């Protein structure tokens, strides 16, 4: 079985990270999740906080899913995004 290894960080605010619509991380957290080989997955996130506050999401494994995001929260005081991968 393939393992998803991920972490997230936000100093102040709320950060929710989902794998195929299942919550896997909240705020500053780290997680390891079993993945079935040969499937496509979607990571999506929603963040809410003060303008300029930074947050980060890192996926370090598997190789096909490696991803690094560090972003500042925009004027709307919220942000979202998606990332798709297969393993």
PDB file of N, CA and C in Angstrom:
ATOM      1  N   UNK A   1       0.856  -1.180   0.000  1.00  0.00           N
ATOM      2  CA  UNK A   1       0.000   0.000   0.000  1.00  0.00           C
ATOM      3  C   UNK A   1       0.901   1.243   0.000  1.00  0.00           C
ATOM      4  N   UNK A   2       0.527   2.234  -0.761  1.00  0.00           N
ATOM      5  CA  UNK A   2       1.243   3.503  -0.843  1.00  0.00           C
ATOM      6  C   UNK A   2       0.791   4.410   0.294  1.00  0.00           C
ATOM      7  N   UNK A   3       1.721   5.203   0.830  1.00  0.00           N
ATOM      8  CA  UNK A   3       1.417   6.120   1.934  1.00  0.00           C
ATOM      9  C   UNK A   3       1.490   7.568   1.458  1.00  0.00           C
ATOM     10  N   UNK A   4       0.482   8.351   1.808  1.00  0.00           N
ATOM     11  CA  UNK A   4       0.510   9.799   1.628  1.00  0.00           C
ATOM     12  C   UNK A   4       1.062  10.379   2.919  1.00  0.00           C
ATOM     13  N   UNK A   5       2.119  11.181   2.814  1.00  0.00           N
ATOM     14  CA  UNK A   5       2.706  11.847   3.973  1.00  0.00           C
ATOM     15  C   UNK A   5       2.576  13.345   3.729  1.00  0.00           C
ATOM     16  N   UNK A   6       1.876  14.033   4.626  1.00  0.00           N
ATOM     17  CA  UNK A   6       1.582  15.451   4.409  1.00  0.00           C
ATOM     18  C   UNK A   6       1.622  16.218   5.721  1.00  0.00           C
ATOM     19  N   UNK A   7       1.831  17.531   5.599  1.00  0.00           N
ATOM     20  CA  UNK A   7       1.779  18.409   6.766  1.00  0.00           C
ATOM     21  C   UNK A   7       1.205  19.755   6.348  1.00  0.00           C
ATOM     22  N   UNK A   8       0.696  20.474   7.333  1.00  0.00           N
ATOM     23  CA  UNK A   8       0.112  21.794   7.089  1.00  0.00           C
ATOM     24  C   UNK A   8       0.463  22.696   8.261  1.00  0.00           C
ATOM     25  N   UNK A   9       0.556  23.990   7.988  1.00  0.00           N
ATOM     26  CA  UNK A   9       0.864  24.954   9.045  1.00  0.00           C
ATOM     27  C   UNK A   9       0.120  26.259   8.802  1.00  0.00           C
ATOM     28  N   UNK A  10      -0.456  26.789   9.874  1.00  0.00           N
ATOM     29  CA  UNK A  10      -0.994  28.145   9.905  1.00  0.00           C
ATOM     30  C   UNK A  10      -0.847  28.624  11.344  1.00  0.00           C
ATOM     31  N   UNK A  11      -0.273  29.813  11.531  1.00  0.00           N
ATOM     32  CA  UNK A  11      -0.051  30.322  12.892  1.00  0.00           C
ATOM     33  C   UNK A  11      -1.361  30.770  13.530  1.00  0.00           C
ATOM     34  N   UNK A  12      -2.157  31.525  12.784  1.00  0.00           N
ATOM     35  CA  UNK A  12      -3.455  32.013  13.261  1.00  0.00           C
ATOM     36  C   UNK A  12      -4.455  31.871  12.132  1.00  0.00           C
ATOM     37  N   UNK A  13      -5.615  31.358  12.434  1.00  0.00           N
ATOM     38  CA  UNK A  13      -6.637  31.163  11.417  1.00  0.00           C
ATOM     39  C   UNK A  13      -7.058  29.712  11.374  1.00  0.00           C
ATOM     40  N   UNK A  14      -7.754  29.365  10.316  1.00  0.00           N
ATOM     41  CA  UNK A  14      -8.289  28.014  10.154  1.00  0.00           C
ATOM     42  C   UNK A  14      -7.855  27.465   8.802  1.00  0.00           C
ATOM     43  N   UNK A  15      -7.286  26.273   8.798  1.00  0.00           N
ATOM     44  CA  UNK A  15      -6.855  25.605   7.575  1.00  0.00           C
ATOM     45  C   UNK A  15      -7.388  24.177   7.599  1.00  0.00           C
ATOM     46  N   UNK A  16      -8.197  23.833   6.610  1.00  0.00           N
ATOM     47  CA  UNK A  16      -8.769  22.495   6.486  1.00  0.00           C
ATOM     48  C   UNK A  16      -8.258  21.874   5.193  1.00  0.00           C
ATOM     49  N   UNK A  17      -7.720  20.650   5.278  1.00  0.00           N
ATOM     50  CA  UNK A  17      -7.190  19.951   4.107  1.00  0.00           C
ATOM     51  C   UNK A  17      -7.935  18.625   3.965  1.00  0.00           C
ATOM     52  N   UNK A  18      -8.426  18.370   2.757  1.00  0.00           N
ATOM     53  CA  UNK A  18      -9.236  17.186   2.475  1.00  0.00           C
ATOM     54  C   UNK A  18      -8.559  16.316   1.421  1.00  0.00           C
ATOM     55  N   UNK A  19      -8.747  15.008   1.538  1.00  0.00           N
ATOM     56  CA  UNK A  19      -8.358  14.044   0.515  1.00  0.00           C
ATOM     57  C   UNK A  19      -9.642  13.381   0.041  1.00  0.00           C
ATOM     58  N   UNK A  20      -9.978  13.591  -1.231  1.00  0.00           N
ATOM     59  CA  UNK A  20     -11.236  13.061  -1.778  1.00  0.00           C
ATOM     60  C   UNK A  20     -12.424  13.347  -0.867  1.00  0.00           C
ATOM     61  N   UNK A  21     -12.534  14.586  -0.438  1.00  0.00           N
ATOM     62  CA  UNK A  21     -13.649  15.100   0.364  1.00  0.00           C
ATOM     63  C   UNK A  21     -13.710  14.547   1.790  1.00  0.00           C
ATOM     64  N   UNK A  22     -12.603  13.955   2.264  1.00  0.00           N
ATOM     65  CA  UNK A  22     -12.515  13.502   3.652  1.00  0.00           C
ATOM     66  C   UNK A  22     -11.460  14.351   4.356  1.00  0.00           C
ATOM     67  N   UNK A  23     -11.828  14.977   5.464  1.00  0.00           N
ATOM     68  CA  UNK A  23     -10.904  15.826   6.213  1.00  0.00           C
ATOM     69  C   UNK A  23      -9.727  14.993   6.713  1.00  0.00           C
ATOM     70  N   UNK A  24      -8.494  15.409   6.342  1.00  0.00           N
ATOM     71  CA  UNK A  24      -7.310  14.689   6.814  1.00  0.00           C
ATOM     72  C   UNK A  24      -6.410  15.547   7.696  1.00  0.00           C
ATOM     73  N   UNK A  25      -6.506  16.878   7.593  1.00  0.00           N
ATOM     74  CA  UNK A  25      -5.697  17.765   8.438  1.00  0.00           C
ATOM     75  C   UNK A  25      -6.492  19.012   8.775  1.00  0.00           C
ATOM     76  N   UNK A  26      -6.250  19.513   9.988  1.00  0.00           N
ATOM     77  CA  UNK A  26      -6.896  20.740  10.433  1.00  0.00           C
ATOM     78  C   UNK A  26      -5.852  21.615  11.102  1.00  0.00           C
ATOM     79  N   UNK A  27      -5.739  22.858  10.619  1.00  0.00           N
ATOM     80  CA  UNK A  27      -4.787  23.840  11.136  1.00  0.00           C
ATOM     81  C   UNK A  27      -3.367  23.313  10.988  1.00  0.00           C
ATOM     82  N   UNK A  28      -2.525  23.409  12.010  1.00  0.00           N
ATOM     83  CA  UNK A  28      -1.156  22.900  11.929  1.00  0.00           C
ATOM     84  C   UNK A  28      -1.185  21.431  12.332  1.00  0.00           C
ATOM     85  N   UNK A  29      -0.830  20.563  11.387  1.00  0.00           N
ATOM     86  CA  UNK A  29      -1.007  19.130  11.608  1.00  0.00           C
ATOM     87  C   UNK A  29      -0.079  18.362  10.670  1.00  0.00           C
ATOM     88  N   UNK A  30       0.088  17.078  10.934  1.00  0.00           N
ATOM     89  CA  UNK A  30       0.815  16.168  10.050  1.00  0.00           C
ATOM     90  C   UNK A  30       0.028  14.869  10.000  1.00  0.00           C
ATOM     91  N   UNK A  31       0.114  14.179   8.855  1.00  0.00           N
ATOM     92  CA  UNK A  31      -0.707  12.984   8.684  1.00  0.00           C
ATOM     93  C   UNK A  31      -0.019  11.996   7.745  1.00  0.00           C
ATOM     94  N   UNK A  32      -0.299  10.726   7.968  1.00  0.00           N
ATOM     95  CA  UNK A  32       0.062   9.653   7.043  1.00  0.00           C
ATOM     96  C   UNK A  32      -1.225   8.890   6.732  1.00  0.00           C
ATOM     97  N   UNK A  33      -1.526   8.738   5.432  1.00  0.00           N
ATOM     98  CA  UNK A  33      -2.775   8.107   5.000  1.00  0.00           C
ATOM     99  C   UNK A  33      -2.445   7.014   3.984  1.00  0.00           C
ATOM    100  N   UNK A  34      -3.081   5.855   4.107  1.00  0.00           N
ATOM    101  CA  UNK A  34      -2.919   4.778   3.130  1.00  0.00           C
ATOM    102  C   UNK A  34      -3.666   5.119   1.844  1.00  0.00           C
ATOM    103  N   UNK A  35      -2.991   4.896   0.706  1.00  0.00           N
ATOM    104  CA  UNK A  35      -3.587   5.120  -0.612  1.00  0.00           C
ATOM    105  C   UNK A  35      -3.577   3.816  -1.391  1.00  0.00           C
ATOM    106  N   UNK A  36      -4.578   3.617  -2.221  1.00  0.00           N
ATOM    107  CA  UNK A  36      -4.617   2.447  -3.090  1.00  0.00           C
ATOM    108  C   UNK A  36      -3.923   2.783  -4.402  1.00  0.00           C
ATOM    109  N   UNK A  37      -2.923   1.993  -4.792  1.00  0.00           N
ATOM    110  CA  UNK A  37      -2.237   2.235  -6.067  1.00  0.00           C
ATOM    111  C   UNK A  37      -3.217   2.153  -7.238  1.00  0.00           C
ATOM    112  N   UNK A  38      -2.936   2.944  -8.281  1.00  0.00           N
ATOM    113  CA  UNK A  38      -3.762   2.920  -9.477  1.00  0.00           C
ATOM    114  C   UNK A  38      -4.994   3.798  -9.418  1.00  0.00           C
ATOM    115  N   UNK A  39      -5.122   4.605  -8.376  1.00  0.00           N
ATOM    116  CA  UNK A  39      -6.279   5.487  -8.238  1.00  0.00           C
ATOM    117  C   UNK A  39      -5.864   6.949  -8.404  1.00  0.00           C
ATOM    118  N   UNK A  40      -6.831   7.772  -8.799  1.00  0.00           N
ATOM    119  CA  UNK A  40      -6.626   9.218  -8.855  1.00  0.00           C
ATOM    120  C   UNK A  40      -7.203   9.824  -7.583  1.00  0.00           C
ATOM    121  N   UNK A  41      -6.502  10.811  -7.036  1.00  0.00           N
ATOM    122  CA  UNK A  41      -6.919  11.464  -5.796  1.00  0.00           C
ATOM    123  C   UNK A  41      -6.942  12.972  -5.995  1.00  0.00           C
ATOM    124  N   UNK A  42      -7.779  13.634  -5.204  1.00  0.00           N
ATOM    125  CA  UNK A  42      -7.831  15.095  -5.197  1.00  0.00           C
ATOM    126  C   UNK A  42      -7.629  15.574  -3.767  1.00  0.00           C
ATOM    127  N   UNK A  43      -6.660  16.470  -3.610  1.00  0.00           N
ATOM    128  CA  UNK A  43      -6.450  17.187  -2.352  1.00  0.00           C
ATOM    129  C   UNK A  43      -7.090  18.554  -2.546  1.00  0.00           C
ATOM    130  N   UNK A  44      -7.878  19.008  -1.597  1.00  0.00           N
ATOM    131  CA  UNK A  44      -8.361  20.390  -1.652  1.00  0.00           C
ATOM    132  C   UNK A  44      -8.319  20.993  -0.255  1.00  0.00           C
ATOM    133  N   UNK A  45      -8.245  22.316  -0.210  1.00  0.00           N
ATOM    134  CA  UNK A  45      -8.105  23.006   1.065  1.00  0.00           C
ATOM    135  C   UNK A  45      -8.929  24.275   1.085  1.00  0.00           C
ATOM    136  N   UNK A  46      -9.252  24.677   2.308  1.00  0.00           N
ATOM    137  CA  UNK A  46      -9.942  25.938   2.564  1.00  0.00           C
ATOM    138  C   UNK A  46      -9.251  26.583   3.753  1.00  0.00           C
ATOM    139  N   UNK A  47      -8.912  27.844   3.611  1.00  0.00           N
ATOM    140  CA  UNK A  47      -8.225  28.567   4.679  1.00  0.00           C
ATOM    141  C   UNK A  47      -8.945  29.880   4.939  1.00  0.00           C
ATOM    142  N   UNK A  48      -8.984  30.282   6.194  1.00  0.00           N
ATOM    143  CA  UNK A  48      -9.625  31.530   6.595  1.00  0.00           C
ATOM    144  C   UNK A  48      -8.756  32.166   7.675  1.00  0.00           C
ATOM    145  N   UNK A  49      -8.479  33.459   7.523  1.00  0.00           N
ATOM    146  CA  UNK A  49      -7.648  34.148   8.504  1.00  0.00           C
ATOM    147  C   UNK A  49      -7.459  35.605   8.134  1.00  0.00           C
ATOM    148  N   UNK A  50      -6.558  36.248   8.824  1.00  0.00           N
ATOM    149  CA  UNK A  50      -6.284  37.661   8.589  1.00  0.00           C
ATOM    150  C   UNK A  50      -5.507  37.865   7.291  1.00  0.00           C
ATOM    151  N   UNK A  51      -5.750  38.997   6.643  1.00  0.00           N
ATOM    152  CA  UNK A  51      -5.053  39.349   5.411  1.00  0.00           C
ATOM    153  C   UNK A  51      -3.545  39.332   5.660  1.00  0.00           C
ATOM    154  N   UNK A  52      -2.816  38.684   4.761  1.00  0.00           N
ATOM    155  CA  UNK A  52      -1.362  38.629   4.853  1.00  0.00           C
ATOM    156  C   UNK A  52      -0.823  37.468   5.674  1.00  0.00           C
ATOM    157  N   UNK A  53      -1.672  36.832   6.464  1.00  0.00           N
ATOM    158  CA  UNK A  53      -1.261  35.655   7.242  1.00  0.00           C
ATOM    159  C   UNK A  53      -0.836  34.558   6.264  1.00  0.00           C
ATOM    160  N   UNK A  54       0.270  33.882   6.522  1.00  0.00           N
ATOM    161  CA  UNK A  54       0.702  32.829   5.614  1.00  0.00           C
ATOM    162  C   UNK A  54       0.311  31.449   6.132  1.00  0.00           C
ATOM    163  N   UNK A  55       0.140  30.549   5.183  1.00  0.00           N
ATOM    164  CA  UNK A  55      -0.132  29.148   5.499  1.00  0.00           C
ATOM    165  C   UNK A  55       0.670  28.296   4.530  1.00  0.00           C
ATOM    166  N   UNK A  56       0.904  27.051   4.901  1.00  0.00           N
ATOM    167  CA  UNK A  56       1.640  26.157   4.012  1.00  0.00           C
ATOM    168  C   UNK A  56       1.063  24.751   4.067  1.00  0.00           C
ATOM    169  N   UNK A  57       1.179  24.073   2.940  1.00  0.00           N
ATOM    170  CA  UNK A  57       0.780  22.676   2.801  1.00  0.00           C
ATOM    171  C   UNK A  57       1.920  21.970   2.078  1.00  0.00           C
ATOM    172  N   UNK A  58       2.367  20.846   2.637  1.00  0.00           N
ATOM    173  CA  UNK A  58       3.443  20.068   2.038  1.00  0.00           C
ATOM    174  C   UNK A  58       3.012  18.615   1.926  1.00  0.00           C
ATOM    175  N   UNK A  59       3.183  18.048   0.743  1.00  0.00           N
ATOM    176  CA  UNK A  59       2.998  16.613   0.548  1.00  0.00           C
ATOM    177  C   UNK A  59       4.368  16.077   0.145  1.00  0.00           C
ATOM    178  N   UNK A  60       4.947  15.236   0.996  1.00  0.00           N
ATOM    179  CA  UNK A  60       6.299  14.742   0.741  1.00  0.00           C
ATOM    180  C   UNK A  60       6.325  13.337   0.140  1.00  0.00           C
ATOM    181  N   UNK A  61       5.231  12.602   0.208  1.00  0.00           N
ATOM    182  CA  UNK A  61       5.156  11.266  -0.388  1.00  0.00           C
ATOM    183  C   UNK A  61       3.698  10.954  -0.685  1.00  0.00           C
ATOM    184  N   UNK A  62       3.448  10.146  -1.703  1.00  0.00           N
ATOM    185  CA  UNK A  62       4.402   9.477  -2.585  1.00  0.00           C
ATOM    186  C   UNK A  62       5.004  10.454  -3.596  1.00  0.00           C
ATOM    187  N   UNK A  63       5.978   9.975  -4.339  1.00  0.00           N
ATOM    188  CA  UNK A  63       6.679  10.824  -5.302  1.00  0.00           C
ATOM    189  C   UNK A  63       5.714  11.491  -6.281  1.00  0.00           C
ATOM    190  N   UNK A  64       4.701  10.763  -6.718  1.00  0.00           N
ATOM    191  CA  UNK A  64       3.738  11.289  -7.705  1.00  0.00           C
ATOM    192  C   UNK A  64       2.904  12.443  -7.156  1.00  0.00           C
ATOM    193  N   UNK A  65       2.874  12.584  -5.847  1.00  0.00           N
ATOM    194  CA  UNK A  65       2.028  13.600  -5.218  1.00  0.00           C
ATOM    195  C   UNK A  65       2.825  14.724  -4.571  1.00  0.00           C
ATOM    196  N   UNK A  66       4.143  14.726  -4.703  1.00  0.00           N
ATOM    197  CA  UNK A  66       4.941  15.747  -4.024  1.00  0.00           C
ATOM    198  C   UNK A  66       4.461  17.144  -4.418  1.00  0.00           C
ATOM    199  N   UNK A  67       4.273  17.971  -3.386  1.00  0.00           N
ATOM    200  CA  UNK A  67       3.640  19.280  -3.576  1.00  0.00           C
ATOM    201  C   UNK A  67       4.050  20.182  -2.424  1.00  0.00           C
ATOM    202  N   UNK A  68       4.339  21.443  -2.725  1.00  0.00           N
ATOM    203  CA  UNK A  68       4.676  22.418  -1.687  1.00  0.00           C
ATOM    204  C   UNK A  68       3.968  23.726  -2.017  1.00  0.00           C
ATOM    205  N   UNK A  69       3.220  24.247  -1.053  1.00  0.00           N
ATOM    206  CA  UNK A  69       2.520  25.517  -1.230  1.00  0.00           C
ATOM    207  C   UNK A  69       2.725  26.367   0.010  1.00  0.00           C
ATOM    208  N   UNK A  70       3.165  27.592  -0.185  1.00  0.00           N
ATOM    209  CA  UNK A  70       3.181  28.597   0.877  1.00  0.00           C
ATOM    210  C   UNK A  70       2.555  29.837   0.268  1.00  0.00           C
ATOM    211  N   UNK A  71       1.520  30.337   0.909  1.00  0.00           N
ATOM    212  CA  UNK A  71       0.757  31.441   0.328  1.00  0.00           C
ATOM    213  C   UNK A  71       0.264  32.360   1.434  1.00  0.00           C
ATOM    214  N   UNK A  72       0.101  33.635   1.098  1.00  0.00           N
ATOM    215  CA  UNK A  72      -0.491  34.610   2.018  1.00  0.00           C
ATOM    216  C   UNK A  72      -1.995  34.691   1.757  1.00  0.00           C
ATOM    217  N   UNK A  73      -2.752  34.854   2.820  1.00  0.00           N
ATOM    218  CA  UNK A  73      -4.204  34.980   2.698  1.00  0.00           C
ATOM    219  C   UNK A  73      -4.528  36.330   2.051  1.00  0.00           C
ATOM    220  N   UNK A  74      -5.381  36.335   1.005  1.00  0.00           N
ATOM    221  CA  UNK A  74      -5.688  37.573   0.284  1.00  0.00           C
ATOM    222  C   UNK A  74      -6.698  38.465   1.016  1.00  0.00           C
ATOM    223  N   UNK A  75      -7.044  39.568   0.368  1.00  0.00           N
ATOM    224  CA  UNK A  75      -7.962  40.556   0.956  1.00  0.00           C
ATOM    225  C   UNK A  75      -9.314  39.974   1.344  1.00  0.00           C
ATOM    226  N   UNK A  76      -9.742  38.918   0.681  1.00  0.00           N
ATOM    227  CA  UNK A  76     -11.036  38.296   0.991  1.00  0.00           C
ATOM    228  C   UNK A  76     -11.017  37.570   2.340  1.00  0.00           C
ATOM    229  N   UNK A  77      -9.837  37.450   2.958  1.00  0.00           N
ATOM    230  CA  UNK A  77      -9.635  36.768   4.241  1.00  0.00           C
ATOM    231  C   UNK A  77      -9.916  35.271   4.168  1.00  0.00           C
ATOM    232  N   UNK A  78      -9.899  34.711   2.949  1.00  0.00           N
ATOM    233  CA  UNK A  78     -10.063  33.272   2.773  1.00  0.00           C
ATOM    234  C   UNK A  78      -9.466  32.871   1.433  1.00  0.00           C
ATOM    235  N   UNK A  79      -9.160  31.584   1.316  1.00  0.00           N
ATOM    236  CA  UNK A  79      -8.557  31.074   0.091  1.00  0.00           C
ATOM    237  C   UNK A  79      -8.892  29.590  -0.019  1.00  0.00           C
ATOM    238  N   UNK A  80      -8.770  29.070  -1.221  1.00  0.00           N
ATOM    239  CA  UNK A  80      -9.005  27.646  -1.440  1.00  0.00           C
ATOM    240  C   UNK A  80      -8.191  27.200  -2.634  1.00  0.00           C
ATOM    241  N   UNK A  81      -8.058  25.893  -2.783  1.00  0.00           N
ATOM    242  CA  UNK A  81      -7.331  25.371  -3.925  1.00  0.00           C
ATOM    243  C   UNK A  81      -7.445  23.868  -4.000  1.00  0.00           C
ATOM    244  N   UNK A  82      -6.976  23.322  -5.125  1.00  0.00           N
ATOM    245  CA  UNK A  82      -7.014  21.880  -5.337  1.00  0.00           C
ATOM    246  C   UNK A  82      -5.715  21.408  -5.958  1.00  0.00           C
ATOM    247  N   UNK A  83      -5.468  20.132  -5.802  1.00  0.00           N
ATOM    248  CA  UNK A  83      -4.304  19.477  -6.378  1.00  0.00           C
ATOM    249  C   UNK A  83      -4.710  18.039  -6.680  1.00  0.00           C
ATOM    250  N   UNK A  84      -4.454  17.577  -7.890  1.00  0.00           N
ATOM    251  CA  UNK A  84      -4.869  16.237  -8.328  1.00  0.00           C
ATOM    252  C   UNK A  84      -3.621  15.400  -8.608  1.00  0.00           C
ATOM    253  N   UNK A  85      -3.658  14.117  -8.226  1.00  0.00           N
ATOM    254  CA  UNK A  85      -2.541  13.220  -8.512  1.00  0.00           C
ATOM    255  C   UNK A  85      -3.037  11.779  -8.617  1.00  0.00           C
ATOM    256  N   UNK A  86      -2.228  10.947  -9.257  1.00  0.00           N
ATOM    257  CA  UNK A  86      -2.474   9.502  -9.344  1.00  0.00           C
ATOM    258  C   UNK A  86      -1.246   8.789  -8.809  1.00  0.00           C
ATOM    259  N   UNK A  87      -1.453   7.619  -8.246  1.00  0.00           N
ATOM    260  CA  UNK A  87      -0.298   6.847  -7.768  1.00  0.00           C
ATOM    261  C   UNK A  87      -0.482   5.375  -8.086  1.00  0.00           C
TER     262      UNK A  87
END
